[in-house]
Amino acid sequence: MTIAEFEEKYYLHDSSIEKIEYDAANKKLVMTICFCFWMQSWYNQNELPNGYISVTFENVSLYEYEDHEITEILSDLDTEIRNTKVDAAGTLFIFMWEYVSKIDDDIYPLIKIKAENVTVKEISRYTP
């Protein structure tokens, strides 16, 4: 699917990014997200409400993550996604909140991604 289709189908508010792996040589970015299935318009109430998904962006032409080294695997992130948007150029913006220690020290990083294709795989589900 395109980035615009991904952003329209997957409502990421209150979900959190657990891990980001970026392979610049192969233009591939993989995010593991602790995902709120229950917030989706397509959610089935007979299924478990929360879980993990893997989101793969292929043929990435732009990846920026403010205040983080993008060449390293980022894991154990304490983030919460606030909202997302896609601009006219097809760039996905993921606005987050990252807990540091005190409310005054919290940061609000932004991830920007532009890619030709996005695939999503469900990893697991759980009940909080």
Protein backbone atom coordinates (compact mmCIF):
# COMPACT_ATOMS: atom_id res chain seq x y z
CA MET A 1 0.00 0.00 0.00
CA THR A 2 1.06 3.63 -0.32
CA ILE A 3 1.96 5.80 2.65
CA ALA A 4 -1.33 7.68 2.25
CA GLU A 5 -3.28 4.38 2.31
CA PHE A 6 -1.35 3.27 5.40
CA GLU A 7 -2.04 6.52 7.24
CA GLU A 8 -5.74 6.32 6.33
CA LYS A 9 -6.19 2.65 7.38
CA TYR A 10 -4.04 2.57 10.55
CA TYR A 11 -4.94 5.05 13.28
CA LEU A 12 -1.75 5.22 15.37
CA HIS A 13 -2.83 7.60 18.16
CA ASP A 14 -1.85 6.19 21.60
CA SER A 15 0.17 3.38 20.02
CA SER A 16 3.89 3.34 20.73
CA ILE A 17 6.98 2.59 18.69
CA GLU A 18 9.00 -0.18 20.33
CA LYS A 19 11.82 -0.54 17.81
CA ILE A 20 13.07 0.99 14.56
CA GLU A 21 15.49 -0.72 12.19
CA TYR A 22 16.74 1.23 9.18
CA ASP A 23 18.81 -0.31 6.40
CA ALA A 24 19.93 2.64 4.27
CA ALA A 25 21.75 0.43 1.74
CA ASN A 26 18.55 -1.48 0.96
CA LYS A 27 16.26 1.52 1.52
CA LYS A 28 14.18 -0.42 4.04
CA LEU A 29 12.78 0.70 7.38
CA VAL A 30 10.98 -1.62 9.82
CA MET A 31 9.06 -0.38 12.86
CA THR A 32 7.70 -2.57 15.62
CA ILE A 33 4.66 -0.86 17.10
CA CYS A 34 2.69 -1.66 20.25
CA PHE A 35 -0.64 -1.12 18.52
CA CYS A 36 -4.15 -0.23 19.68
CA PHE A 37 -6.27 -2.56 17.55
CA TRP A 38 -9.36 -1.47 19.48
CA MET A 39 -9.06 2.07 18.08
CA GLN A 40 -9.35 0.96 14.45
CA SER A 41 -12.58 1.36 12.46
CA TRP A 42 -12.12 -2.23 11.25
CA TYR A 43 -11.58 -3.71 14.74
CA ASN A 44 -13.53 -6.88 15.59
CA GLN A 45 -14.65 -6.81 19.25
CA ASN A 46 -14.29 -10.60 19.47
CA GLU A 47 -10.51 -10.24 19.08
CA LEU A 48 -7.92 -9.13 21.64
CA PRO A 49 -7.71 -5.30 21.78
CA ASN A 50 -3.96 -4.63 21.80
CA GLY A 51 -0.89 -6.15 20.24
CA TYR A 52 2.19 -5.70 18.14
CA ILE A 53 2.52 -5.00 14.45
CA SER A 54 5.52 -4.76 12.17
CA VAL A 55 5.39 -1.95 9.62
CA THR A 56 7.85 -2.20 6.72
CA PHE A 57 8.59 0.77 4.49
CA GLU A 58 10.30 -0.16 1.22
CA ASN A 59 12.29 1.97 -1.21
CA VAL A 60 12.66 4.69 1.43
CA SER A 61 13.77 8.03 -0.01
CA LEU A 62 13.48 10.01 3.25
CA TYR A 63 13.86 8.98 6.89
CA GLU A 64 14.44 11.55 9.61
CA TYR A 65 14.00 11.11 13.35
CA GLU A 66 14.77 14.27 15.30
CA ASP A 67 17.31 13.92 18.12
CA HIS A 68 18.12 10.28 17.26
CA GLU A 69 20.90 8.65 15.28
CA ILE A 70 19.06 7.02 12.38
CA THR A 71 21.84 4.57 11.49
CA GLU A 72 21.49 2.73 14.82
CA ILE A 73 18.75 0.27 15.74
CA LEU A 74 16.50 2.10 18.14
CA SER A 75 14.81 -0.14 20.69
CA ASP A 76 13.13 0.13 24.07
CA LEU A 77 11.76 3.54 23.16
CA ASP A 78 9.33 5.09 25.63
CA THR A 79 7.15 6.84 23.09
CA GLU A 80 3.51 7.50 22.44
CA ILE A 81 2.22 8.51 19.04
CA ARG A 82 0.14 11.66 19.23
CA ASN A 83 -0.95 11.90 15.60
CA THR A 84 0.10 11.39 11.99
CA LYS A 85 -0.36 13.17 8.70
CA VAL A 86 0.72 12.83 5.08
CA ASP A 87 1.66 15.92 3.10
CA ALA A 88 1.03 16.56 -0.62
CA ALA A 89 4.46 15.11 -1.48
CA GLY A 90 3.55 11.78 0.17
CA THR A 91 5.73 12.21 3.26
CA LEU A 92 4.43 10.61 6.46
CA PHE A 93 4.83 12.69 9.61
CA ILE A 94 4.60 10.84 12.95
CA PHE A 95 4.28 13.25 15.88
CA MET A 96 5.21 11.67 19.21
CA TRP A 97 5.67 12.25 22.88
CA GLU A 98 8.70 10.65 24.53
CA TYR A 99 8.77 10.33 28.30
CA VAL A 100 12.13 11.28 29.79
CA SER A 101 11.73 11.71 33.54
CA LYS A 102 9.87 14.87 34.41
CA ILE A 103 7.16 16.68 32.52
CA ASP A 104 9.55 19.57 31.80
CA ASP A 105 12.15 17.20 30.33
CA ASP A 106 9.82 15.32 27.99
CA ILE A 107 10.53 15.65 24.30
CA TYR A 108 8.20 15.69 21.33
CA PRO A 109 10.11 14.11 18.47
CA LEU A 110 8.96 13.94 14.88
CA ILE A 111 9.61 11.12 12.42
CA LYS A 112 9.44 11.78 8.68
CA ILE A 113 9.26 8.92 6.19
CA LYS A 114 8.80 8.84 2.45
CA ALA A 115 8.65 5.41 0.81
CA GLU A 116 7.10 3.73 -2.22
CA ASN A 117 5.47 0.82 -0.42
CA VAL A 118 4.24 -0.06 3.08
CA THR A 119 3.34 -3.50 4.41
CA VAL A 120 1.90 -4.34 7.82
CA LYS A 121 2.10 -7.69 9.61
CA GLU A 122 0.41 -8.57 12.86
CA ILE A 123 2.91 -10.04 15.32
CA SER A 124 0.75 -10.82 18.37
CA ARG A 125 -2.25 -9.74 20.44
CA TYR A 126 -2.87 -9.36 24.17
CA THR A 127 -5.31 -7.99 26.71
CA PRO A 128 -3.91 -5.26 28.98
